[in-house]
Amino acid sequence: MPQTTYFVKECPTCGRKLQVRVEYLGREMVCNHCGGDFLAGDVQDVFTPNEEDCSDAILLRVDELIDKADNNLGKPK
């Protein structure tokens, strides 16, 4: 059974922390709590890549998040 990987994104409108699937990186999302729109990304998104570089940047970030999640799975709680 495949495991879904999430990252935490703070809603820019209401400030609530939301779990977002890594598959949604780069997509427009709507906050479940306040209905505010935001782009699925994280605080490391310090620039807006051009359209040509967008896919590569998103895929690299997804790989980073998956590696981080895999590393955290082996750590004791």
PDB file of N, CA and C in Angstrom:
ATOM      1  N   MET A   1       0.848  -1.179   0.000  1.00  0.00           N
ATOM      2  CA  MET A   1       0.000   0.000   0.000  1.00  0.00           C
ATOM      3  C   MET A   1       0.890   1.238   0.000  1.00  0.00           C
ATOM      4  N   PRO A   2       0.745   2.117  -0.997  1.00  0.00           N
ATOM      5  CA  PRO A   2       1.604   3.303  -1.065  1.00  0.00           C
ATOM      6  C   PRO A   2       1.295   4.283   0.065  1.00  0.00           C
ATOM      7  N   GLN A   3       2.347   4.952   0.507  1.00  0.00           N
ATOM      8  CA  GLN A   3       2.201   5.928   1.588  1.00  0.00           C
ATOM      9  C   GLN A   3       2.196   7.326   0.980  1.00  0.00           C
ATOM     10  N   THR A   4       1.250   8.151   1.378  1.00  0.00           N
ATOM     11  CA  THR A   4       1.164   9.524   0.893  1.00  0.00           C
ATOM     12  C   THR A   4       2.071  10.402   1.735  1.00  0.00           C
ATOM     13  N   THR A   5       2.816  11.284   1.068  1.00  0.00           N
ATOM     14  CA  THR A   5       3.713  12.198   1.757  1.00  0.00           C
ATOM     15  C   THR A   5       3.106  13.590   1.738  1.00  0.00           C
ATOM     16  N   TYR A   6       3.141  14.241   2.878  1.00  0.00           N
ATOM     17  CA  TYR A   6       2.579  15.573   3.035  1.00  0.00           C
ATOM     18  C   TYR A   6       3.664  16.554   3.472  1.00  0.00           C
ATOM     19  N   PHE A   7       3.420  17.834   3.251  1.00  0.00           N
ATOM     20  CA  PHE A   7       4.220  18.880   3.856  1.00  0.00           C
ATOM     21  C   PHE A   7       3.260  19.863   4.498  1.00  0.00           C
ATOM     22  N   VAL A   8       3.753  20.661   5.429  1.00  0.00           N
ATOM     23  CA  VAL A   8       2.900  21.600   6.148  1.00  0.00           C
ATOM     24  C   VAL A   8       3.033  22.975   5.515  1.00  0.00           C
ATOM     25  N   LYS A   9       1.904  23.586   5.221  1.00  0.00           N
ATOM     26  CA  LYS A   9       1.845  24.923   4.624  1.00  0.00           C
ATOM     27  C   LYS A   9       0.935  25.778   5.486  1.00  0.00           C
ATOM     28  N   GLU A  10       1.398  26.958   5.834  1.00  0.00           N
ATOM     29  CA  GLU A  10       0.564  27.883   6.599  1.00  0.00           C
ATOM     30  C   GLU A  10      -0.301  28.668   5.624  1.00  0.00           C
ATOM     31  N   CYS A  11      -1.589  28.727   5.902  1.00  0.00           N
ATOM     32  CA  CYS A  11      -2.496  29.497   5.056  1.00  0.00           C
ATOM     33  C   CYS A  11      -2.125  30.976   5.175  1.00  0.00           C
ATOM     34  N   PRO A  12      -1.902  31.659   4.048  1.00  0.00           N
ATOM     35  CA  PRO A  12      -1.536  33.071   4.106  1.00  0.00           C
ATOM     36  C   PRO A  12      -2.688  33.969   4.563  1.00  0.00           C
ATOM     37  N   THR A  13      -3.914  33.464   4.535  1.00  0.00           N
ATOM     38  CA  THR A  13      -5.067  34.260   4.938  1.00  0.00           C
ATOM     39  C   THR A  13      -5.371  34.122   6.424  1.00  0.00           C
ATOM     40  N   CYS A  14      -5.524  32.877   6.902  1.00  0.00           N
ATOM     41  CA  CYS A  14      -5.924  32.685   8.299  1.00  0.00           C
ATOM     42  C   CYS A  14      -4.789  32.204   9.200  1.00  0.00           C
ATOM     43  N   GLY A  15      -3.683  31.749   8.616  1.00  0.00           N
ATOM     44  CA  GLY A  15      -2.539  31.335   9.408  1.00  0.00           C
ATOM     45  C   GLY A  15      -2.581  29.909   9.927  1.00  0.00           C
ATOM     46  N   ARG A  16      -3.620  29.173   9.617  1.00  0.00           N
ATOM     47  CA  ARG A  16      -3.689  27.781  10.083  1.00  0.00           C
ATOM     48  C   ARG A  16      -2.690  26.930   9.306  1.00  0.00           C
ATOM     49  N   LYS A  17      -2.172  25.933   9.973  1.00  0.00           N
ATOM     50  CA  LYS A  17      -1.225  25.022   9.341  1.00  0.00           C
ATOM     51  C   LYS A  17      -2.009  23.910   8.658  1.00  0.00           C
ATOM     52  N   LEU A  18      -1.731  23.709   7.384  1.00  0.00           N
ATOM     53  CA  LEU A  18      -2.451  22.735   6.573  1.00  0.00           C
ATOM     54  C   LEU A  18      -1.498  21.654   6.091  1.00  0.00           C
ATOM     55  N   GLN A  19      -1.959  20.414   6.054  1.00  0.00           N
ATOM     56  CA  GLN A  19      -1.178  19.337   5.461  1.00  0.00           C
ATOM     57  C   GLN A  19      -1.543  19.261   3.987  1.00  0.00           C
ATOM     58  N   VAL A  20      -0.532  19.382   3.137  1.00  0.00           N
ATOM     59  CA  VAL A  20      -0.742  19.383   1.692  1.00  0.00           C
ATOM     60  C   VAL A  20       0.052  18.223   1.097  1.00  0.00           C
ATOM     61  N   ARG A  21      -0.567  17.455   0.232  1.00  0.00           N
ATOM     62  CA  ARG A  21       0.130  16.354  -0.441  1.00  0.00           C
ATOM     63  C   ARG A  21       1.222  16.925  -1.343  1.00  0.00           C
ATOM     64  N   VAL A  22       2.368  16.243  -1.408  1.00  0.00           N
ATOM     65  CA  VAL A  22       3.452  16.725  -2.255  1.00  0.00           C
ATOM     66  C   VAL A  22       3.050  16.723  -3.731  1.00  0.00           C
ATOM     67  N   GLU A  23       2.076  15.906  -4.096  1.00  0.00           N
ATOM     68  CA  GLU A  23       1.601  15.880  -5.480  1.00  0.00           C
ATOM     69  C   GLU A  23       0.984  17.216  -5.893  1.00  0.00           C
ATOM     70  N   TYR A  24       0.583  18.038  -4.912  1.00  0.00           N
ATOM     71  CA  TYR A  24      -0.080  19.305  -5.197  1.00  0.00           C
ATOM     72  C   TYR A  24       0.872  20.488  -5.244  1.00  0.00           C
ATOM     73  N   LEU A  25       2.186  20.261  -5.092  1.00  0.00           N
ATOM     74  CA  LEU A  25       3.153  21.355  -5.161  1.00  0.00           C
ATOM     75  C   LEU A  25       2.989  22.118  -6.474  1.00  0.00           C
ATOM     76  N   GLY A  26       2.957  23.428  -6.369  1.00  0.00           N
ATOM     77  CA  GLY A  26       2.837  24.275  -7.551  1.00  0.00           C
ATOM     78  C   GLY A  26       1.416  24.531  -8.003  1.00  0.00           C
ATOM     79  N   ARG A  27       0.455  23.908  -7.377  1.00  0.00           N
ATOM     80  CA  ARG A  27      -0.953  24.089  -7.758  1.00  0.00           C
ATOM     81  C   ARG A  27      -1.631  25.102  -6.843  1.00  0.00           C
ATOM     82  N   GLU A  28      -2.683  25.712  -7.365  1.00  0.00           N
ATOM     83  CA  GLU A  28      -3.476  26.618  -6.533  1.00  0.00           C
ATOM     84  C   GLU A  28      -4.374  25.780  -5.635  1.00  0.00           C
ATOM     85  N   MET A  29      -4.432  26.181  -4.360  1.00  0.00           N
ATOM     86  CA  MET A  29      -5.208  25.450  -3.375  1.00  0.00           C
ATOM     87  C   MET A  29      -6.186  26.400  -2.692  1.00  0.00           C
ATOM     88  N   VAL A  30      -7.142  25.820  -1.969  1.00  0.00           N
ATOM     89  CA  VAL A  30      -8.097  26.584  -1.182  1.00  0.00           C
ATOM     90  C   VAL A  30      -8.041  26.063   0.246  1.00  0.00           C
ATOM     91  N   CYS A  31      -7.912  26.963   1.204  1.00  0.00           N
ATOM     92  CA  CYS A  31      -7.876  26.592   2.617  1.00  0.00           C
ATOM     93  C   CYS A  31      -9.227  25.998   3.019  1.00  0.00           C
ATOM     94  N   ASN A  32      -9.192  24.861   3.708  1.00  0.00           N
ATOM     95  CA  ASN A  32     -10.421  24.211   4.173  1.00  0.00           C
ATOM     96  C   ASN A  32     -11.125  25.014   5.257  1.00  0.00           C
ATOM     97  N   HIS A  33     -10.384  25.878   5.950  1.00  0.00           N
ATOM     98  CA  HIS A  33     -10.932  26.599   7.094  1.00  0.00           C
ATOM     99  C   HIS A  33     -11.541  27.943   6.717  1.00  0.00           C
ATOM    100  N   CYS A  34     -10.804  28.733   5.902  1.00  0.00           N
ATOM    101  CA  CYS A  34     -11.273  30.091   5.609  1.00  0.00           C
ATOM    102  C   CYS A  34     -11.645  30.307   4.146  1.00  0.00           C
ATOM    103  N   GLY A  35     -11.295  29.348   3.284  1.00  0.00           N
ATOM    104  CA  GLY A  35     -11.606  29.491   1.863  1.00  0.00           C
ATOM    105  C   GLY A  35     -10.607  30.345   1.104  1.00  0.00           C
ATOM    106  N   GLY A  36      -9.511  30.749   1.762  1.00  0.00           N
ATOM    107  CA  GLY A  36      -8.493  31.571   1.110  1.00  0.00           C
ATOM    108  C   GLY A  36      -7.713  30.783   0.075  1.00  0.00           C
ATOM    109  N   ASP A  37      -7.354  31.449  -1.038  1.00  0.00           N
ATOM    110  CA  ASP A  37      -6.564  30.826  -2.096  1.00  0.00           C
ATOM    111  C   ASP A  37      -5.082  30.994  -1.810  1.00  0.00           C
ATOM    112  N   PHE A  38      -4.295  29.972  -2.161  1.00  0.00           N
ATOM    113  CA  PHE A  38      -2.841  30.061  -2.038  1.00  0.00           C
ATOM    114  C   PHE A  38      -2.199  29.062  -2.985  1.00  0.00           C
ATOM    115  N   LEU A  39      -0.921  29.242  -3.232  1.00  0.00           N
ATOM    116  CA  LEU A  39      -0.161  28.337  -4.073  1.00  0.00           C
ATOM    117  C   LEU A  39       0.500  27.300  -3.183  1.00  0.00           C
ATOM    118  N   ALA A  40       0.334  26.023  -3.508  1.00  0.00           N
ATOM    119  CA  ALA A  40       0.937  24.957  -2.707  1.00  0.00           C
ATOM    120  C   ALA A  40       2.443  24.999  -2.885  1.00  0.00           C
ATOM    121  N   GLY A  41       3.109  25.407  -1.852  1.00  0.00           N
ATOM    122  CA  GLY A  41       4.561  25.500  -1.814  1.00  0.00           C
ATOM    123  C   GLY A  41       4.937  25.638  -0.361  1.00  0.00           C
ATOM    124  N   ASP A  42       6.204  25.892  -0.090  1.00  0.00           N
ATOM    125  CA  ASP A  42       6.586  26.077   1.296  1.00  0.00           C
ATOM    126  C   ASP A  42       7.446  27.315   1.451  1.00  0.00           C
ATOM    127  N   VAL A  43       7.903  27.581   2.649  1.00  0.00           N
ATOM    128  CA  VAL A  43       8.619  28.820   2.927  1.00  0.00           C
ATOM    129  C   VAL A  43       9.929  28.925   2.180  1.00  0.00           C
ATOM    130  N   GLN A  44      10.439  27.852   1.617  1.00  0.00           N
ATOM    131  CA  GLN A  44      11.662  27.912   0.847  1.00  0.00           C
ATOM    132  C   GLN A  44      11.419  28.438  -0.559  1.00  0.00           C
ATOM    133  N   ASP A  45      10.174  28.715  -0.907  1.00  0.00           N
ATOM    134  CA  ASP A  45       9.864  29.303  -2.206  1.00  0.00           C
ATOM    135  C   ASP A  45      10.160  30.799  -2.138  1.00  0.00           C
ATOM    136  N   VAL A  46      11.407  31.171  -2.321  1.00  0.00           N
ATOM    137  CA  VAL A  46      11.802  32.569  -2.183  1.00  0.00           C
ATOM    138  C   VAL A  46      11.808  33.304  -3.512  1.00  0.00           C
ATOM    139  N   PHE A  47      11.554  32.605  -4.597  1.00  0.00           N
ATOM    140  CA  PHE A  47      11.472  33.247  -5.895  1.00  0.00           C
ATOM    141  C   PHE A  47      10.396  32.555  -6.709  1.00  0.00           C
ATOM    142  N   THR A  48       9.942  33.220  -7.744  1.00  0.00           N
ATOM    143  CA  THR A  48       8.966  32.627  -8.640  1.00  0.00           C
ATOM    144  C   THR A  48       9.677  32.238  -9.918  1.00  0.00           C
ATOM    145  N   PRO A  49       9.878  30.952 -10.147  1.00  0.00           N
ATOM    146  CA  PRO A  49      10.585  30.532 -11.355  1.00  0.00           C
ATOM    147  C   PRO A  49       9.747  30.821 -12.594  1.00  0.00           C
ATOM    148  N   ASN A  50      10.428  31.011 -13.733  1.00  0.00           N
ATOM    149  CA  ASN A  50       9.666  31.220 -14.969  1.00  0.00           C
ATOM    150  C   ASN A  50       9.012  29.904 -15.375  1.00  0.00           C
ATOM    151  N   GLU A  51       8.104  29.967 -16.294  1.00  0.00           N
ATOM    152  CA  GLU A  51       7.290  28.803 -16.661  1.00  0.00           C
ATOM    153  C   GLU A  51       8.148  27.631 -17.125  1.00  0.00           C
ATOM    154  N   GLU A  52       9.240  27.917 -17.829  1.00  0.00           N
ATOM    155  CA  GLU A  52      10.114  26.869 -18.347  1.00  0.00           C
ATOM    156  C   GLU A  52      10.781  26.090 -17.216  1.00  0.00           C
ATOM    157  N   ASP A  53      11.221  26.790 -16.176  1.00  0.00           N
ATOM    158  CA  ASP A  53      11.926  26.168 -15.062  1.00  0.00           C
ATOM    159  C   ASP A  53      10.983  25.621 -13.995  1.00  0.00           C
ATOM    160  N   CYS A  54       9.717  25.950 -14.072  1.00  0.00           N
ATOM    161  CA  CYS A  54       8.764  25.610 -13.015  1.00  0.00           C
ATOM    162  C   CYS A  54       8.678  24.109 -12.774  1.00  0.00           C
ATOM    163  N   SER A  55       8.541  23.318 -13.817  1.00  0.00           N
ATOM    164  CA  SER A  55       8.409  21.866 -13.655  1.00  0.00           C
ATOM    165  C   SER A  55       9.646  21.275 -13.016  1.00  0.00           C
ATOM    166  N   ASP A  56      10.830  21.692 -13.470  1.00  0.00           N
ATOM    167  CA  ASP A  56      12.072  21.172 -12.902  1.00  0.00           C
ATOM    168  C   ASP A  56      12.211  21.566 -11.439  1.00  0.00           C
ATOM    169  N   ALA A  57      11.884  22.808 -11.109  1.00  0.00           N
ATOM    170  CA  ALA A  57      11.996  23.281  -9.729  1.00  0.00           C
ATOM    171  C   ALA A  57      11.038  22.519  -8.822  1.00  0.00           C
ATOM    172  N   ILE A  58       9.835  22.277  -9.289  1.00  0.00           N
ATOM    173  CA  ILE A  58       8.851  21.551  -8.491  1.00  0.00           C
ATOM    174  C   ILE A  58       9.303  20.111  -8.275  1.00  0.00           C
ATOM    175  N   LEU A  59       9.795  19.468  -9.326  1.00  0.00           N
ATOM    176  CA  LEU A  59      10.246  18.087  -9.193  1.00  0.00           C
ATOM    177  C   LEU A  59      11.438  17.980  -8.249  1.00  0.00           C
ATOM    178  N   LEU A  60      12.362  18.930  -8.310  1.00  0.00           N
ATOM    179  CA  LEU A  60      13.499  18.922  -7.386  1.00  0.00           C
ATOM    180  C   LEU A  60      13.028  19.086  -5.949  1.00  0.00           C
ATOM    181  N   ARG A  61      12.080  19.988  -5.725  1.00  0.00           N
ATOM    182  CA  ARG A  61      11.575  20.218  -4.366  1.00  0.00           C
ATOM    183  C   ARG A  61      10.822  18.991  -3.860  1.00  0.00           C
ATOM    184  N   VAL A  62      10.066  18.330  -4.730  1.00  0.00           N
ATOM    185  CA  VAL A  62       9.363  17.108  -4.342  1.00  0.00           C
ATOM    186  C   VAL A  62      10.371  16.049  -3.908  1.00  0.00           C
ATOM    187  N   ASP A  63      11.453  15.898  -4.680  1.00  0.00           N
ATOM    188  CA  ASP A  63      12.496  14.934  -4.310  1.00  0.00           C
ATOM    189  C   ASP A  63      13.101  15.266  -2.947  1.00  0.00           C
ATOM    190  N   GLU A  64      13.353  16.552  -2.687  1.00  0.00           N
ATOM    191  CA  GLU A  64      13.903  16.971  -1.393  1.00  0.00           C
ATOM    192  C   GLU A  64      12.949  16.608  -0.252  1.00  0.00           C
ATOM    193  N   LEU A  65      11.664  16.892  -0.436  1.00  0.00           N
ATOM    194  CA  LEU A  65      10.680  16.605   0.606  1.00  0.00           C
ATOM    195  C   LEU A  65      10.523  15.103   0.848  1.00  0.00           C
ATOM    196  N   ILE A  66      10.567  14.320  -0.216  1.00  0.00           N
ATOM    197  CA  ILE A  66      10.454  12.870  -0.065  1.00  0.00           C
ATOM    198  C   ILE A  66      11.678  12.326   0.660  1.00  0.00           C
ATOM    199  N   ASP A  67      12.873  12.802   0.296  1.00  0.00           N
ATOM    200  CA  ASP A  67      14.090  12.371   0.987  1.00  0.00           C
ATOM    201  C   ASP A  67      14.033  12.724   2.465  1.00  0.00           C
ATOM    202  N   LYS A  68      13.568  13.933   2.768  1.00  0.00           N
ATOM    203  CA  LYS A  68      13.456  14.366   4.164  1.00  0.00           C
ATOM    204  C   LYS A  68      12.476  13.470   4.922  1.00  0.00           C
ATOM    205  N   ALA A  69      11.337  13.163   4.303  1.00  0.00           N
ATOM    206  CA  ALA A  69      10.339  12.303   4.945  1.00  0.00           C
ATOM    207  C   ALA A  69      10.902  10.898   5.156  1.00  0.00           C
ATOM    208  N   ASP A  70      11.622  10.369   4.166  1.00  0.00           N
ATOM    209  CA  ASP A  70      12.214   9.040   4.296  1.00  0.00           C
ATOM    210  C   ASP A  70      13.231   9.009   5.431  1.00  0.00           C
ATOM    211  N   ASN A  71      14.028  10.066   5.566  1.00  0.00           N
ATOM    212  CA  ASN A  71      15.027  10.142   6.636  1.00  0.00           C
ATOM    213  C   ASN A  71      14.349  10.212   8.003  1.00  0.00           C
ATOM    214  N   ASN A  72      13.227  10.897   8.093  1.00  0.00           N
ATOM    215  CA  ASN A  72      12.517  11.041   9.361  1.00  0.00           C
ATOM    216  C   ASN A  72      11.809   9.753   9.781  1.00  0.00           C
ATOM    217  N   LEU A  73      11.496   8.885   8.834  1.00  0.00           N
ATOM    218  CA  LEU A  73      10.814   7.630   9.157  1.00  0.00           C
ATOM    219  C   LEU A  73      11.686   6.722  10.004  1.00  0.00           C
ATOM    220  N   GLY A  74      12.989   6.776   9.825  1.00  0.00           N
ATOM    221  CA  GLY A  74      13.888   5.910  10.559  1.00  0.00           C
ATOM    222  C   GLY A  74      14.243   6.410  11.935  1.00  0.00           C
ATOM    223  N   LYS A  75      13.866   7.646  12.273  1.00  0.00           N
ATOM    224  CA  LYS A  75      14.207   8.236  13.567  1.00  0.00           C
ATOM    225  C   LYS A  75      13.202   7.815  14.634  1.00  0.00           C
ATOM    226  N   PRO A  76      13.688   7.513  15.837  1.00  0.00           N
ATOM    227  CA  PRO A  76      12.753   7.173  16.936  1.00  0.00           C
ATOM    228  C   PRO A  76      11.968   8.406  17.364  1.00  0.00           C
ATOM    229  N   LYS A  77      10.747   8.190  17.828  1.00  0.00           N
ATOM    230  CA  LYS A  77       9.888   9.313  18.246  1.00  0.00           C
ATOM    231  C   LYS A  77      10.128   9.682  19.671  1.00  0.00           C
TER     232      LYS A  77
END
